[in-house]
Amino acid sequence: MQDLAFYETMSDLSGKMVRAAQANDWDRLVELERSVAGMRDRLDPLPMPAPQPERERKIHLIRKILEDDAEVRRHTEPWLEATRKFLARQDAARAPREL
């Protein structure tokens, strides 16, 4: 069973991921993402029923984590698309030219 502190920590890390993405600090973002992924992999797939206040807090934290994830993607997807285009141009420049 996961206690509330586990979700609080994940939420804190997801907030830090947002700040790293906003600052274009990709190394820090990757580091934080690895931490969150490790925690996510340890989540109990069948958590024990929790008292209503704890359940509501977990729901709030999960929603915040999902919102933070969307915000991180809002910052990273344009960068990833630009990188894809750059790499495609580099591949095209290296391709043998037809005569």
Protein backbone atom coordinates (compact mmCIF):
# COMPACT_ATOMS: atom_id res chain seq x y z
CA MET A 1 0.00 0.00 0.00
CA GLN A 2 1.25 3.47 -0.86
CA ASP A 3 1.05 6.10 1.80
CA LEU A 4 0.17 9.69 1.12
CA ALA A 5 3.81 10.80 1.43
CA PHE A 6 4.65 8.73 -1.67
CA TYR A 7 2.13 10.71 -3.75
CA GLU A 8 3.27 13.98 -2.18
CA THR A 9 6.83 13.22 -3.26
CA MET A 10 5.76 12.34 -6.80
CA SER A 11 3.77 15.57 -6.98
CA ASP A 12 6.74 17.59 -5.74
CA LEU A 13 8.99 16.00 -8.36
CA SER A 14 6.46 16.63 -11.13
CA GLY A 15 6.36 20.31 -10.14
CA LYS A 16 10.15 20.42 -10.37
CA MET A 17 9.90 18.82 -13.82
CA VAL A 18 7.64 21.67 -14.94
CA ARG A 19 10.14 24.25 -13.72
CA ALA A 20 13.01 22.43 -15.44
CA ALA A 21 11.05 22.28 -18.72
CA GLN A 22 10.17 25.97 -18.47
CA ALA A 23 13.87 26.76 -17.97
CA ASN A 24 14.91 24.48 -20.86
CA ASP A 25 17.04 22.58 -18.33
CA TRP A 26 16.84 19.29 -20.20
CA ASP A 27 19.47 17.48 -18.12
CA ARG A 28 17.59 18.23 -14.90
CA LEU A 29 14.30 17.29 -16.55
CA VAL A 30 15.68 13.89 -17.57
CA GLU A 31 17.04 13.32 -14.07
CA LEU A 32 13.69 14.18 -12.48
CA GLU A 33 11.77 12.10 -15.00
CA ARG A 34 13.87 9.07 -14.10
CA SER A 35 13.03 9.58 -10.44
CA VAL A 36 9.32 9.88 -11.14
CA ALA A 37 9.39 6.86 -13.47
CA GLY A 38 11.04 4.79 -10.75
CA MET A 39 8.37 5.79 -8.29
CA ARG A 40 5.61 5.18 -10.84
CA ASP A 41 6.96 1.67 -11.41
CA ARG A 42 6.63 1.00 -7.68
CA LEU A 43 2.99 2.06 -7.47
CA ASP A 44 0.73 -0.59 -6.03
CA PRO A 45 -1.69 -1.63 -8.81
CA LEU A 46 -4.28 -2.72 -6.24
CA PRO A 47 -4.10 -0.21 -3.42
CA MET A 48 -5.96 -0.91 -0.20
CA PRO A 49 -9.06 1.18 0.42
CA ALA A 50 -8.18 4.42 2.16
CA PRO A 51 -10.24 6.72 4.34
CA GLN A 52 -12.18 9.35 2.36
CA PRO A 53 -9.91 12.35 3.21
CA GLU A 54 -6.78 10.42 2.20
CA ARG A 55 -8.45 9.16 -0.99
CA GLU A 56 -9.49 12.71 -1.91
CA ARG A 57 -5.96 14.00 -1.32
CA LYS A 58 -4.49 11.23 -3.50
CA ILE A 59 -6.97 12.08 -6.26
CA HIS A 60 -5.94 15.74 -6.01
CA LEU A 61 -2.24 14.81 -6.18
CA ILE A 62 -2.74 12.48 -9.14
CA ARG A 63 -4.61 15.20 -11.03
CA LYS A 64 -1.80 17.67 -10.30
CA ILE A 65 0.79 15.17 -11.53
CA LEU A 66 -1.20 14.72 -14.76
CA GLU A 67 -1.51 18.50 -15.19
CA ASP A 68 2.23 18.88 -14.61
CA ASP A 69 2.88 16.18 -17.20
CA ALA A 70 0.78 18.07 -19.75
CA GLU A 71 2.70 21.27 -18.98
CA VAL A 72 6.05 19.51 -19.40
CA ARG A 73 4.88 18.14 -22.77
CA ARG A 74 3.80 21.63 -23.79
CA HIS A 75 7.42 22.73 -23.38
CA THR A 76 9.20 19.63 -24.69
CA GLU A 77 7.14 18.72 -27.76
CA PRO A 78 8.13 21.82 -29.80
CA TRP A 79 11.79 21.18 -28.96
CA LEU A 80 11.46 17.51 -29.93
CA GLU A 81 9.78 18.44 -33.23
CA ALA A 82 12.55 20.94 -34.02
CA THR A 83 15.13 18.25 -33.24
CA ARG A 84 13.37 15.75 -35.51
CA LYS A 85 13.37 18.26 -38.37
CA PHE A 86 17.03 19.09 -37.81
CA LEU A 87 18.01 15.42 -37.86
CA ALA A 88 15.93 14.80 -40.99
CA ARG A 89 17.74 17.67 -42.74
CA GLN A 90 21.10 16.23 -41.65
CA ASP A 91 20.15 12.79 -42.99
CA ALA A 92 19.00 14.31 -46.28
CA ALA A 93 22.26 16.24 -46.62
CA ARG A 94 24.28 13.06 -46.12
CA ALA A 95 22.23 10.91 -48.47
CA PRO A 96 23.94 10.07 -51.77
CA ARG A 97 22.70 12.32 -54.50
CA GLU A 98 21.18 10.84 -57.63
CA LEU A 99 22.74 11.84 -60.92
